[in-house]
């Protein structure tokens, strides 16, 4: 399954979760429900995946965590905010970059 196919199915699952739960909950509630929904749909999903930071030749365990990593291909960072900011994009891009370096 390609990243686009995986992403389309993830988006569908996320919409289903949001339709049931509605707005206004904590990120952790949406994450747990989406995690459950993706597992139910036969995806390999890692929750709170540790993400080390690689600096020069050392690997630093800085406490970064990817909300959900699906099929070792798609990073999901759940946000419950009025609007996405540049820092949210930077965080997700960092996770994507660092997962490719591992």
Protein backbone atom coordinates (compact mmCIF):
# COMPACT_ATOMS: atom_id res chain seq x y z
CA UNK A 1 0.00 0.00 0.00
CA UNK A 2 1.40 3.41 -0.97
CA UNK A 3 1.72 6.38 1.36
CA UNK A 4 -1.16 8.07 -0.50
CA UNK A 5 -3.44 5.06 -0.05
CA UNK A 6 -2.53 4.83 3.62
CA UNK A 7 -3.09 8.58 4.06
CA UNK A 8 -6.51 8.44 2.41
CA UNK A 9 -7.61 5.67 4.76
CA UNK A 10 -6.19 7.50 7.77
CA UNK A 11 -8.06 10.68 6.83
CA UNK A 12 -11.28 8.68 6.52
CA UNK A 13 -10.73 7.14 9.95
CA UNK A 14 -9.92 10.55 11.47
CA UNK A 15 -13.12 12.02 10.01
CA UNK A 16 -15.11 9.10 11.45
CA UNK A 17 -13.57 9.69 14.90
CA UNK A 18 -14.29 13.41 14.75
CA UNK A 19 -17.89 12.84 13.62
CA UNK A 20 -18.49 10.67 16.69
CA UNK A 21 -16.56 12.70 19.26
CA UNK A 22 -17.10 16.20 17.90
CA UNK A 23 -14.85 19.17 18.71
CA UNK A 24 -13.48 20.32 22.03
CA UNK A 25 -11.81 17.25 23.53
CA UNK A 26 -8.18 16.83 24.51
CA UNK A 27 -5.67 15.57 21.96
CA UNK A 28 -5.23 12.39 23.98
CA UNK A 29 -8.90 11.41 23.47
CA UNK A 30 -8.67 11.80 19.69
CA UNK A 31 -5.32 9.99 19.61
CA UNK A 32 -6.61 6.98 21.55
CA UNK A 33 -9.74 6.70 19.41
CA UNK A 34 -7.84 7.08 16.14
CA UNK A 35 -5.27 4.54 17.34
CA UNK A 36 -8.08 2.08 18.07
CA UNK A 37 -9.79 2.77 14.73
CA UNK A 38 -6.55 2.27 12.75
CA UNK A 39 -5.75 -0.99 14.56
CA UNK A 40 -9.30 -2.16 13.86
CA UNK A 41 -8.64 -1.44 10.17
CA UNK A 42 -5.58 -3.74 10.20
CA UNK A 43 -2.88 -1.06 10.20
CA UNK A 44 0.42 -1.46 12.02
CA UNK A 45 0.39 1.54 14.36
CA UNK A 46 2.91 2.68 16.96
CA UNK A 47 1.65 5.12 19.59
CA UNK A 48 3.91 7.63 21.36
CA UNK A 49 6.86 6.40 19.31
CA UNK A 50 10.13 7.62 20.80
CA UNK A 51 11.99 9.89 18.40
CA UNK A 52 15.68 10.48 19.11
CA UNK A 53 17.50 13.53 17.85
CA UNK A 54 20.68 12.80 15.91
CA UNK A 55 23.39 15.42 16.38
CA UNK A 56 26.66 14.81 14.57
CA UNK A 57 27.60 11.25 15.54
CA UNK A 58 25.46 10.89 18.67
CA UNK A 59 21.85 9.93 19.22
CA UNK A 60 20.14 12.06 21.86
CA UNK A 61 17.05 10.80 23.66
CA UNK A 62 15.38 14.20 24.12
CA UNK A 63 11.87 13.03 24.88
CA UNK A 64 10.39 13.66 21.44
CA UNK A 65 7.38 11.44 20.77
CA UNK A 66 5.45 10.88 17.56
CA UNK A 67 1.74 10.66 18.36
CA UNK A 68 1.09 7.85 15.85
CA UNK A 69 3.33 6.22 13.27
CA UNK A 70 1.36 4.14 10.76
CA UNK A 71 2.93 1.33 8.75
CA UNK A 72 6.35 2.90 9.43
CA UNK A 73 5.46 5.38 6.67
CA UNK A 74 3.00 8.01 7.89
CA UNK A 75 3.55 10.34 10.86
CA UNK A 76 0.40 11.56 12.60
CA UNK A 77 0.72 14.53 14.95
CA UNK A 78 -2.65 15.31 16.50
CA UNK A 79 -3.47 18.93 17.31
CA UNK A 80 -6.55 20.41 19.00
CA UNK A 81 -6.08 24.09 18.26
CA UNK A 82 -8.01 26.93 16.65
CA UNK A 83 -5.38 27.25 13.92
CA UNK A 84 -2.10 25.59 13.01
CA UNK A 85 1.01 27.69 13.56
CA UNK A 86 4.46 27.50 12.02
CA UNK A 87 5.73 25.69 15.13
CA UNK A 88 3.27 22.83 14.51
CA UNK A 89 4.55 22.43 10.96
CA UNK A 90 8.16 22.58 12.14
CA UNK A 91 7.51 19.90 14.76
CA UNK A 92 5.99 17.51 12.24
CA UNK A 93 8.70 18.15 9.66
CA UNK A 94 11.34 17.44 12.30
CA UNK A 95 9.72 14.09 13.06
CA UNK A 96 9.58 13.19 9.37
CA UNK A 97 13.21 14.23 8.82
CA UNK A 98 14.49 12.37 11.87
CA UNK A 99 12.56 9.16 11.08
CA UNK A 100 14.24 9.07 7.67
CA UNK A 101 17.67 9.36 9.29
CA UNK A 102 17.17 6.38 11.59
